Amino acid sequence: MASPATVQDGKPPLHAKGSAYSRLTDLQIEQLPIRQAAQKDKELRFTALWHHVYNVDCLREAYLSLKRHAAPGVDEQTWQQYGEDLEANLQDLSERLKRGAYQAKPVLRVYVPKADGSLRPIGMLVLEDKIVQRATTGVLNNVYEADFNGFSYGFRPGRSQHNALDALYVGINSQNVNWVLDGDIRGFFDAISHEWLIEFIKHRIADQRVVDHIKKWLNAGVLEDGEVTRTGEGAIQGGSISPLLSNVFLHYVFDLWADQWRRQEGRKKVIIVRYADDIVVGFQSRLDAMQFQEDLKERLKGFKLELHAEKTRLIEFGPYAAQNRKRRGEGKPETFDYLGFTHICGKTRKGSFAVLRQTMRKKMQRKLMELKKELRKRMHTSISEVGKWLRSVLAGHYRYYGVPSNSNRMSLFRYQLVCYWKWIICRRSQRQRTTWDRMNLIAARWLPLPHIYHPYPDQRLRVTT
């Protein structure tokens, strides 16, 4: 095998100082020709990818990227147990993948509560399935990152929820958006058609071994109440490859279609931001907005999907929404929720339009209730230990929700947390009550004040979506 430095003849060594590739790992460099070929030819179908997946180095990197303390699947094997004889286990896994002896195991289904009170099904895979899926995702990302649209942000390398939020903020402020379609696909992950998904995969992937293993994961079934069920629909939430498969599915079902619609059917400006199945589309024209919503319903119907009637809303939103609604006597503009934030039509101190983003009330209340329950469990734990835990909780909360215009909501979150903690401390003893003076000292010692971690989006991001 040629050394990484000679993968491309006639070019400087990839590790040369100052090279754009000098920050890549050896494994990324080995897979670099895949990405370059995908970028060069958008119609190319890849016939030889599976050997990259069963490469022991690729499997090792996938194993090391997994969560150390994640719950085990049906085989009850943990990350630590597998790592006790890691190299032998990876070598055995590689050989089974190479000769086609690897078999996917059923996925253990559990349910976690959602913000609206319903339950979200989550799949818990066996460790080897996680490893192989993670390795496969890493290889296929080289192909699909060359295809995916710029307005797609969910579960992609180098992209985050805040990138999507920034794109939406800048798009609304700079593209004369007057109407916003907040779209929600009903039960998307459970409704993905396996037949259509495989057809979409085959547009780019001609290596039958890759396709066959994706089929194995889709058809492995779900273990629930001691019984394994299999259907021709759905991608298990919790699987390492499920986010990529959902992005591939929506790339062909929504992204390509929506991009073409705004270029050919849209009368005025249209912006699109998608994070997984969370979609927001902004329109300058109300007629465009209404037509797009109807056309989208028909588009999704052709792939056995539908918009959630109660969660999908078309609202007037943008720089002129407040004055237009006031003129019609309709009150303040409606708000919409996206990626944990409520988006509000507001103004800067100078009086110009600005999108205000605040922590969603339901999400904040749900998180506080979870923390209150956990505080009860830690009632007799020392104040210093509880303080360290709460400090880490607040730090994570601030890192995500620390955006301009959200200081008040973050301060409220901290205040409520202090109240719950004081109540728990007082319940530890019937003889001594903690005063607010003492509680404020404890809070000042352990609970950091709100901090804005993220700059204004137009300072960090200039995009056309």
Protein backbone atom coordinates (compact mmCIF):
# COMPACT_ATOMS: atom_id res chain seq x y z
CA MET A 1 0.00 0.00 0.00
CA ALA A 2 1.27 3.44 -0.87
CA SER A 3 2.16 5.66 2.05
CA PRO A 4 -0.34 8.42 2.89
CA ALA A 5 2.07 10.99 1.55
CA THR A 6 1.92 9.49 -1.94
CA VAL A 7 -1.83 8.93 -2.31
CA GLN A 8 -1.96 11.67 -4.92
CA ASP A 9 0.99 11.78 -7.27
CA GLY A 10 2.32 15.17 -8.15
CA LYS A 11 1.04 16.87 -4.99
CA PRO A 12 2.95 17.83 -1.85
CA PRO A 13 3.06 15.25 0.96
CA LEU A 14 -0.21 15.37 2.87
CA HIS A 15 1.59 15.84 6.19
CA ALA A 16 3.73 18.68 4.87
CA LYS A 17 3.77 21.73 7.12
CA GLY A 18 1.17 24.22 6.01
CA SER A 19 -0.76 21.63 4.00
CA ALA A 20 -4.55 21.75 4.28
CA TYR A 21 -4.38 18.03 5.07
CA SER A 22 -1.87 18.33 7.92
CA ARG A 23 -4.71 18.36 10.50
CA LEU A 24 -6.23 15.09 9.26
CA THR A 25 -5.70 11.76 10.99
CA ASP A 26 -4.05 8.87 9.16
CA LEU A 27 -7.44 7.18 8.82
CA GLN A 28 -8.99 10.32 7.32
CA ILE A 29 -6.13 10.60 4.87
CA GLU A 30 -6.61 6.97 3.85
CA GLN A 31 -10.29 7.68 3.12
CA LEU A 32 -9.60 11.04 1.49
CA PRO A 33 -9.74 9.70 -2.12
CA ILE A 34 -13.38 8.71 -1.47
CA ARG A 35 -14.32 12.27 -0.58
CA GLN A 36 -12.37 13.70 -3.52
CA ALA A 37 -14.01 11.30 -5.98
CA ALA A 38 -17.48 12.11 -4.58
CA GLN A 39 -16.85 15.83 -4.94
CA LYS A 40 -15.50 15.48 -8.46
CA ASP A 41 -18.31 13.33 -9.86
CA LYS A 42 -21.81 13.76 -8.37
CA GLU A 43 -23.09 10.78 -10.39
CA LEU A 44 -20.35 8.33 -9.41
CA ARG A 45 -21.49 5.09 -7.77
CA PHE A 46 -18.94 3.62 -5.37
CA THR A 47 -18.26 -0.08 -5.87
CA ALA A 48 -15.55 -0.74 -3.26
CA LEU A 49 -16.09 0.74 0.20
CA TRP A 50 -16.59 -2.18 2.57
CA HIS A 51 -12.88 -2.89 3.02
CA HIS A 52 -12.57 0.55 4.63
CA VAL A 53 -15.20 -0.44 7.18
CA TYR A 54 -13.60 -3.71 8.31
CA ASN A 55 -10.19 -2.07 8.50
CA VAL A 56 -9.10 -2.73 12.12
CA ASP A 57 -7.92 0.87 12.52
CA CYS A 58 -11.34 2.10 11.46
CA LEU A 59 -13.08 -0.26 13.88
CA ARG A 60 -10.75 0.78 16.70
CA GLU A 61 -11.46 4.46 16.12
CA ALA A 62 -15.19 3.71 16.08
CA TYR A 63 -14.92 1.82 19.38
CA LEU A 64 -12.97 4.63 21.05
CA SER A 65 -15.55 7.21 19.91
CA LEU A 66 -18.42 5.41 21.68
CA LYS A 67 -19.75 6.51 25.06
CA ARG A 68 -17.93 4.63 27.81
CA HIS A 69 -20.89 4.25 30.14
CA ALA A 70 -23.76 3.77 27.69
CA ALA A 71 -26.33 1.13 28.60
CA PRO A 72 -25.64 -2.28 26.98
CA GLY A 73 -27.89 -3.96 24.43
CA VAL A 74 -29.50 -7.39 24.48
CA ASP A 75 -26.15 -9.16 24.97
CA GLU A 76 -25.43 -7.00 28.10
CA GLN A 77 -21.82 -6.48 27.00
CA THR A 78 -20.35 -3.17 28.14
CA TRP A 79 -17.69 -0.96 26.58
CA GLN A 80 -15.24 -1.83 29.37
CA GLN A 81 -15.76 -5.59 28.98
CA TYR A 82 -15.17 -5.48 25.24
CA GLY A 83 -12.01 -3.45 25.77
CA GLU A 84 -10.41 -5.99 28.09
CA ASP A 85 -9.20 -7.89 25.01
CA LEU A 86 -9.77 -5.15 22.48
CA GLU A 87 -7.33 -6.04 19.72
CA ALA A 88 -8.37 -9.69 19.59
CA ASN A 89 -12.04 -8.72 19.59
CA LEU A 90 -11.55 -6.17 16.80
CA GLN A 91 -9.54 -8.62 14.73
CA ASP A 92 -12.27 -11.24 15.10
CA LEU A 93 -14.94 -8.68 14.19
CA SER A 94 -12.94 -7.60 11.15
CA GLU A 95 -12.64 -11.18 9.91
CA ARG A 96 -16.37 -11.79 10.30
CA LEU A 97 -17.17 -8.59 8.42
CA LYS A 98 -14.74 -9.53 5.68
CA ARG A 99 -16.18 -12.99 5.03
CA GLY A 100 -19.83 -12.00 5.59
CA ALA A 101 -20.32 -13.90 8.86
CA TYR A 102 -21.35 -10.84 10.88
CA GLN A 103 -25.00 -10.77 11.96
CA ALA A 104 -26.89 -7.81 13.39
CA LYS A 105 -28.63 -8.34 16.74
CA PRO A 106 -32.16 -7.15 17.65
CA VAL A 107 -32.36 -3.69 19.20
CA LEU A 108 -33.58 -3.34 22.78
CA ARG A 109 -36.29 -0.66 22.88
CA VAL A 110 -36.77 1.69 25.82
CA TYR A 111 -38.83 4.86 26.15
CA VAL A 112 -37.79 8.31 27.38
CA PRO A 113 -40.19 11.20 28.07
CA LYS A 114 -40.41 14.09 25.61
CA ALA A 115 -41.03 17.75 26.42
CA ASP A 116 -44.70 17.46 25.42
CA GLY A 117 -45.30 14.57 27.83
CA SER A 118 -45.26 11.80 25.22
CA LEU A 119 -42.64 9.04 25.08
CA ARG A 120 -39.82 8.78 22.57
CA PRO A 121 -38.66 5.25 21.62
CA ILE A 122 -34.90 4.78 21.82
CA GLY A 123 -32.99 1.76 20.57
CA MET A 124 -30.14 0.24 22.59
CA LEU A 125 -27.79 -1.68 20.28
CA VAL A 126 -25.27 -4.34 21.18
CA LEU A 127 -21.73 -2.99 21.30
CA GLU A 128 -20.45 -4.61 18.09
CA ASP A 129 -23.38 -3.23 16.13
CA LYS A 130 -22.52 0.21 17.47
CA ILE A 131 -18.89 -0.21 16.39
CA VAL A 132 -19.71 -1.37 12.87
CA GLN A 133 -22.41 1.23 12.38
CA ARG A 134 -20.09 4.00 13.57
CA ALA A 135 -17.33 2.79 11.24
CA THR A 136 -19.75 2.55 8.31
CA THR A 137 -21.06 6.05 9.02
CA GLY A 138 -17.52 7.43 9.00
CA VAL A 139 -16.83 5.92 5.58
CA LEU A 140 -20.17 6.92 4.03
CA ASN A 141 -19.84 10.48 5.34
CA ASN A 142 -17.04 10.93 2.82
CA VAL A 143 -19.55 10.29 0.05
CA TYR A 144 -22.60 12.10 1.33
CA GLU A 145 -20.88 15.21 2.66
CA ALA A 146 -20.17 16.00 -1.00
CA ASP A 147 -23.90 15.70 -1.78
CA PHE A 148 -25.80 17.19 1.14
CA ASN A 149 -27.19 20.72 0.79
CA GLY A 150 -25.81 23.64 2.74
CA PHE A 151 -29.07 24.17 4.64
CA SER A 152 -28.90 20.66 6.15
CA TYR A 153 -27.25 20.78 9.59
CA GLY A 154 -28.33 17.75 11.61
CA PHE A 155 -25.78 15.11 12.63
CA ARG A 156 -23.14 16.20 10.14
CA PRO A 157 -19.39 16.48 10.82
CA GLY A 158 -18.40 20.01 11.75
CA ARG A 159 -22.01 21.20 12.05
CA SER A 160 -24.07 21.77 15.17
CA GLN A 161 -27.46 22.96 16.36
CA HIS A 162 -26.04 26.44 16.83
CA ASN A 163 -24.94 26.53 13.20
CA ALA A 164 -28.56 25.89 12.23
CA LEU A 165 -29.80 28.51 14.70
CA ASP A 166 -27.31 31.05 13.36
CA ALA A 167 -28.33 30.35 9.77
CA LEU A 168 -32.00 30.83 10.65
CA TYR A 169 -31.29 34.06 12.54
CA VAL A 170 -29.22 35.58 9.74
CA GLY A 171 -31.65 34.36 7.07
CA ILE A 172 -34.68 35.98 8.76
CA ASN A 173 -32.82 39.22 9.35
CA SER A 174 -31.21 39.56 5.92
CA GLN A 175 -33.59 37.95 3.43
CA ASN A 176 -36.79 39.96 4.02
CA VAL A 177 -38.63 37.00 5.56
CA ASN A 178 -42.29 37.77 6.33
CA TRP A 179 -43.73 34.28 6.87
CA VAL A 180 -42.30 31.20 8.58
CA LEU A 181 -43.38 27.60 8.09
CA ASP A 182 -42.47 25.58 11.19
CA GLY A 183 -42.73 22.04 9.84
CA ASP A 184 -42.90 18.77 11.76
CA ILE A 185 -43.04 15.36 10.07
CA ARG A 186 -45.30 13.00 12.01
CA GLY A 187 -43.32 10.12 13.55
CA PHE A 188 -40.54 10.53 11.00
CA PHE A 189 -38.02 8.00 12.32
CA ASP A 190 -40.72 5.35 12.68
CA ALA A 191 -42.16 6.06 9.21
CA ILE A 192 -39.03 5.86 7.03
CA SER A 193 -39.73 3.40 4.22
CA HIS A 194 -36.99 0.76 4.02
CA GLU A 195 -37.74 0.19 0.34
CA TRP A 196 -37.32 3.84 -0.57
CA LEU A 197 -34.28 4.24 1.68
CA ILE A 198 -32.42 1.40 -0.02
CA GLU A 199 -33.26 2.87 -3.42
CA PHE A 200 -31.80 6.20 -2.32
CA ILE A 201 -28.67 4.51 -0.97
CA LYS A 202 -28.13 2.78 -4.29
CA HIS A 203 -27.97 6.13 -6.09
CA ARG A 204 -24.44 6.48 -4.73
CA ILE A 205 -23.46 3.12 -3.24
CA ALA A 206 -22.93 0.19 -5.60
CA ASP A 207 -20.92 -1.90 -3.12
CA GLN A 208 -23.48 -4.63 -2.39
CA ARG A 209 -21.80 -5.51 0.90
CA VAL A 210 -22.54 -2.02 2.25
CA VAL A 211 -26.15 -2.21 1.06
CA ASP A 212 -26.60 -5.70 2.54
CA HIS A 213 -25.36 -4.63 5.97
CA ILE A 214 -27.65 -1.60 6.00
CA LYS A 215 -30.49 -4.02 5.25
CA LYS A 216 -29.33 -6.21 8.15
CA TRP A 217 -29.60 -3.30 10.58
CA LEU A 218 -32.97 -2.20 9.24
CA ASN A 219 -34.35 -5.75 9.45
CA ALA A 220 -32.73 -6.78 12.76
CA GLY A 221 -35.98 -6.09 14.58
CA VAL A 222 -36.86 -4.58 17.95
CA LEU A 223 -36.91 -6.49 21.24
CA GLU A 224 -39.72 -5.28 23.47
CA ASP A 225 -41.44 -7.18 26.29
CA GLY A 226 -39.48 -10.30 25.34
CA GLU A 227 -40.68 -10.36 21.74
CA VAL A 228 -38.84 -9.39 18.54
CA THR A 229 -40.88 -7.50 15.96
CA ARG A 230 -39.83 -6.57 12.42
CA THR A 231 -41.43 -4.07 10.05
CA GLY A 232 -40.63 -2.58 6.68
CA GLU A 233 -40.51 0.93 8.12
CA GLY A 234 -38.50 2.96 10.57
CA ALA A 235 -34.91 3.68 11.56
CA ILE A 236 -34.08 2.98 15.19
CA GLN A 237 -33.31 6.14 17.14
CA GLY A 238 -30.13 5.48 19.06
CA GLY A 239 -28.28 3.65 16.31
CA SER A 240 -25.03 5.23 15.14
CA ILE A 241 -26.05 5.01 11.49
CA SER A 242 -29.67 6.13 11.90
CA PRO A 243 -28.90 9.89 11.72
CA LEU A 244 -27.01 9.41 8.46
CA LEU A 245 -29.76 7.24 6.98
CA SER A 246 -32.38 9.81 7.97
CA ASN A 247 -30.31 12.57 6.35
CA VAL A 248 -29.97 10.51 3.15
CA PHE A 249 -33.72 9.89 3.11
CA LEU A 250 -34.62 13.55 3.62
CA HIS A 251 -31.93 14.67 1.19
CA TYR A 252 -33.80 12.97 -1.64
CA VAL A 253 -37.33 13.43 -0.30
CA PHE A 254 -37.08 17.03 0.92
CA ASP A 255 -33.77 18.85 0.35
CA LEU A 256 -33.35 18.40 -3.40
CA TRP A 257 -37.06 18.97 -4.00
CA ALA A 258 -37.25 22.08 -1.75
CA ASP A 259 -34.14 23.62 -3.29
CA GLN A 260 -35.55 23.09 -6.78
CA TRP A 261 -38.95 24.46 -5.69
CA ARG A 262 -37.54 27.74 -4.43
CA ARG A 263 -35.50 28.19 -7.62
CA GLN A 264 -38.27 27.35 -10.06
CA GLU A 265 -41.60 27.88 -8.27
CA GLY A 266 -40.85 30.56 -5.68
CA ARG A 267 -41.85 34.07 -6.72
CA LYS A 268 -39.71 35.79 -4.10
CA LYS A 269 -37.00 34.88 -1.58
CA VAL A 270 -37.16 31.59 0.31
CA ILE A 271 -34.79 30.39 3.04
CA ILE A 272 -34.55 26.80 4.30
CA VAL A 273 -32.98 25.41 7.49
CA ARG A 274 -33.20 21.73 8.38
CA TYR A 275 -31.79 19.96 11.42
CA ALA A 276 -32.66 16.25 11.04
CA ASP A 277 -36.47 16.23 10.76
CA ASP A 278 -36.88 19.71 12.28
CA ILE A 279 -37.60 22.02 9.34
CA VAL A 280 -38.10 25.78 9.17
CA VAL A 281 -38.76 27.55 5.87
CA GLY A 282 -38.95 31.34 5.62
CA PHE A 283 -40.79 33.20 2.84
CA GLN A 284 -40.94 36.76 1.65
CA SER A 285 -44.31 36.10 0.00
CA ARG A 286 -47.39 34.66 1.70
CA LEU A 287 -48.52 33.11 -1.59
CA ASP A 288 -45.20 31.25 -1.80
CA ALA A 289 -45.61 30.06 1.78
CA MET A 290 -49.11 28.71 1.23
CA GLN A 291 -48.21 27.03 -2.07
CA PHE A 292 -45.07 25.47 -0.61
CA GLN A 293 -46.99 24.00 2.32
CA GLU A 294 -49.54 22.38 -0.01
CA ASP A 295 -46.88 21.09 -2.39
CA LEU A 296 -44.87 19.72 0.53
CA LYS A 297 -47.86 17.74 1.77
CA GLU A 298 -48.17 16.11 -1.66
CA ARG A 299 -44.43 15.49 -1.86
CA LEU A 300 -44.32 13.72 1.52
CA LYS A 301 -47.42 11.69 0.75
CA GLY A 302 -45.58 10.05 -2.15
CA PHE A 303 -43.05 8.63 0.35
CA LYS A 304 -45.57 7.57 3.03
CA LEU A 305 -44.90 10.62 5.21
CA GLU A 306 -47.15 13.43 6.41
CA LEU A 307 -46.89 16.77 8.16
CA HIS A 308 -48.07 16.77 11.77
CA ALA A 309 -51.29 18.81 11.59
CA GLU A 310 -51.02 20.18 15.14
CA LYS A 311 -47.29 20.89 15.19
CA THR A 312 -46.91 22.36 11.69
CA ARG A 313 -47.71 26.08 11.62
CA LEU A 314 -47.49 28.89 9.09
CA ILE A 315 -47.09 32.19 10.96
CA GLU A 316 -46.42 35.80 10.09
CA PHE A 317 -42.93 36.54 11.35
CA GLY A 318 -40.21 39.01 10.40
CA PRO A 319 -39.23 42.69 10.32
CA TYR A 320 -42.70 43.91 9.31
CA ALA A 321 -44.88 41.38 11.13
CA ALA A 322 -45.51 43.57 14.20
CA GLN A 323 -46.62 46.67 12.31
CA ASN A 324 -48.68 44.67 9.80
CA ARG A 325 -50.54 42.83 12.54
CA LYS A 326 -51.02 46.00 14.54
CA ARG A 327 -52.55 47.68 11.51
CA ARG A 328 -55.00 44.78 11.16
CA GLY A 329 -55.71 44.75 14.90
CA GLU A 330 -54.33 41.21 15.35
CA GLY A 331 -51.96 41.71 18.27
CA LYS A 332 -48.33 40.73 18.60
CA PRO A 333 -46.67 38.33 16.11
CA GLU A 334 -46.77 34.65 17.00
CA THR A 335 -43.63 32.88 18.12
CA PHE A 336 -42.18 29.53 17.08
CA ASP A 337 -39.91 26.99 18.76
CA TYR A 338 -36.80 25.56 17.16
CA LEU A 339 -33.97 23.49 18.64
CA GLY A 340 -34.80 24.38 22.22
CA PHE A 341 -35.36 28.12 21.69
CA THR A 342 -38.53 30.19 21.34
CA HIS A 343 -38.04 32.70 18.51
CA ILE A 344 -39.69 36.07 19.07
CA CYS A 345 -40.09 39.19 16.92
CA GLY A 346 -38.27 41.86 18.91
CA LYS A 347 -36.23 45.04 18.63
CA THR A 348 -32.72 46.17 19.42
CA ARG A 349 -32.02 49.07 21.76
CA LYS A 350 -31.88 51.30 18.69
CA GLY A 351 -35.37 50.19 17.65
CA SER A 352 -34.49 48.04 14.65
CA PHE A 353 -35.90 44.52 14.17
CA ALA A 354 -34.17 41.58 15.81
CA VAL A 355 -35.00 37.93 16.39
CA LEU A 356 -35.02 37.29 20.13
CA ARG A 357 -34.25 33.75 21.25
CA GLN A 358 -35.21 32.45 24.67
CA THR A 359 -35.11 29.04 26.28
CA MET A 360 -38.35 27.16 25.57
CA ARG A 361 -40.48 27.32 28.71
CA LYS A 362 -41.56 23.67 28.49
CA LYS A 363 -37.99 22.44 28.14
CA MET A 364 -36.82 24.57 31.04
CA GLN A 365 -39.64 23.40 33.31
CA ARG A 366 -39.04 19.77 32.40
CA LYS A 367 -35.32 20.09 33.12
CA LEU A 368 -36.00 21.75 36.47
CA MET A 369 -38.39 18.94 37.45
CA GLU A 370 -35.70 16.38 36.58
CA LEU A 371 -33.18 18.25 38.71
CA LYS A 372 -35.64 18.53 41.59
CA LYS A 373 -36.14 14.76 41.59
CA GLU A 374 -32.40 14.19 41.49
CA LEU A 375 -31.87 16.63 44.37
CA ARG A 376 -34.33 14.61 46.46
CA LYS A 377 -32.24 11.50 45.80
CA ARG A 378 -29.11 13.38 46.91
CA MET A 379 -30.78 14.90 49.97
CA HIS A 380 -28.21 13.51 52.39
CA THR A 381 -25.19 14.01 50.13
CA SER A 382 -22.76 16.67 51.28
CA ILE A 383 -23.31 20.22 50.06
CA SER A 384 -19.90 20.26 48.37
CA GLU A 385 -20.65 17.16 46.29
CA VAL A 386 -24.10 18.39 45.30
CA GLY A 387 -22.59 21.80 44.55
CA LYS A 388 -20.02 20.32 42.18
CA TRP A 389 -22.73 18.37 40.37
CA LEU A 390 -25.04 21.40 40.04
CA ARG A 391 -22.14 23.54 38.85
CA SER A 392 -21.51 21.12 35.98
CA VAL A 393 -25.25 21.08 35.18
CA LEU A 394 -25.37 24.87 34.99
CA ALA A 395 -22.16 25.03 32.95
CA GLY A 396 -23.68 22.72 30.32
CA HIS A 397 -26.94 24.68 30.36
CA TYR A 398 -25.14 27.98 29.82
CA ARG A 399 -22.97 26.59 27.04
CA TYR A 400 -26.04 25.68 25.00
CA TYR A 401 -28.54 28.37 25.98
CA GLY A 402 -26.01 31.19 26.43
CA VAL A 403 -27.09 33.29 23.44
CA PRO A 404 -27.73 37.05 23.32
CA SER A 405 -31.23 38.02 24.58
CA ASN A 406 -31.51 34.92 26.78
CA SER A 407 -29.92 36.22 29.98
CA ASN A 408 -33.22 36.66 31.82
CA ARG A 409 -34.39 33.11 31.10
CA MET A 410 -31.01 31.67 32.20
CA SER A 411 -31.15 33.76 35.40
CA LEU A 412 -34.63 32.40 36.09
CA PHE A 413 -33.35 28.85 35.59
CA ARG A 414 -30.57 29.43 38.13
CA TYR A 415 -32.95 31.11 40.62
CA GLN A 416 -35.40 28.19 40.47
CA LEU A 417 -32.52 25.78 40.98
CA VAL A 418 -31.38 27.71 44.06
CA CYS A 419 -34.95 27.55 45.44
CA TYR A 420 -35.16 23.79 44.96
CA TRP A 421 -31.74 23.27 46.53
CA LYS A 422 -32.68 25.41 49.56
CA TRP A 423 -35.89 23.42 50.01
CA ILE A 424 -33.93 20.14 49.94
CA ILE A 425 -31.32 21.40 52.42
CA CYS A 426 -34.06 22.52 54.81
CA ARG A 427 -35.67 19.05 54.67
CA ARG A 428 -32.44 17.41 55.81
CA SER A 429 -33.01 18.54 59.36
CA GLN A 430 -36.07 19.52 61.39
CA ARG A 431 -33.96 21.47 63.89
CA GLN A 432 -32.05 23.85 61.65
CA ARG A 433 -33.49 25.96 58.87
CA THR A 434 -31.28 27.44 56.17
CA THR A 435 -31.80 31.20 55.83
CA TRP A 436 -31.71 32.97 52.50
CA ASP A 437 -28.52 34.77 53.58
CA ARG A 438 -26.76 31.45 54.05
CA MET A 439 -28.32 30.00 50.90
CA ASN A 440 -27.09 32.93 48.85
CA LEU A 441 -23.57 32.29 50.13
CA ILE A 442 -23.84 28.61 49.17
CA ALA A 443 -25.18 29.52 45.72
CA ALA A 444 -22.43 32.09 45.16
CA ARG A 445 -19.85 29.42 46.07
CA TRP A 446 -21.14 26.66 43.80
CA LEU A 447 -23.54 27.99 41.18
CA PRO A 448 -22.01 30.21 38.46
CA LEU A 449 -23.94 33.19 37.17
CA PRO A 450 -25.32 33.12 33.59
CA HIS A 451 -22.77 33.66 30.86
CA ILE A 452 -23.30 34.46 27.17
CA TYR A 453 -21.10 31.98 25.32
CA HIS A 454 -22.32 32.64 21.78
CA PRO A 455 -21.87 35.93 19.89
CA TYR A 456 -24.56 37.43 17.71
CA PRO A 457 -25.00 35.13 14.70
CA ASP A 458 -24.29 37.85 12.14
CA GLN A 459 -20.88 38.28 13.78
CA ARG A 460 -20.10 34.57 13.46
CA LEU A 461 -21.96 33.52 10.37
CA ARG A 462 -22.77 35.04 7.00
CA VAL A 463 -24.77 32.54 4.97
CA THR A 464 -27.34 32.35 2.22
CA THR A 465 -29.73 29.51 3.05
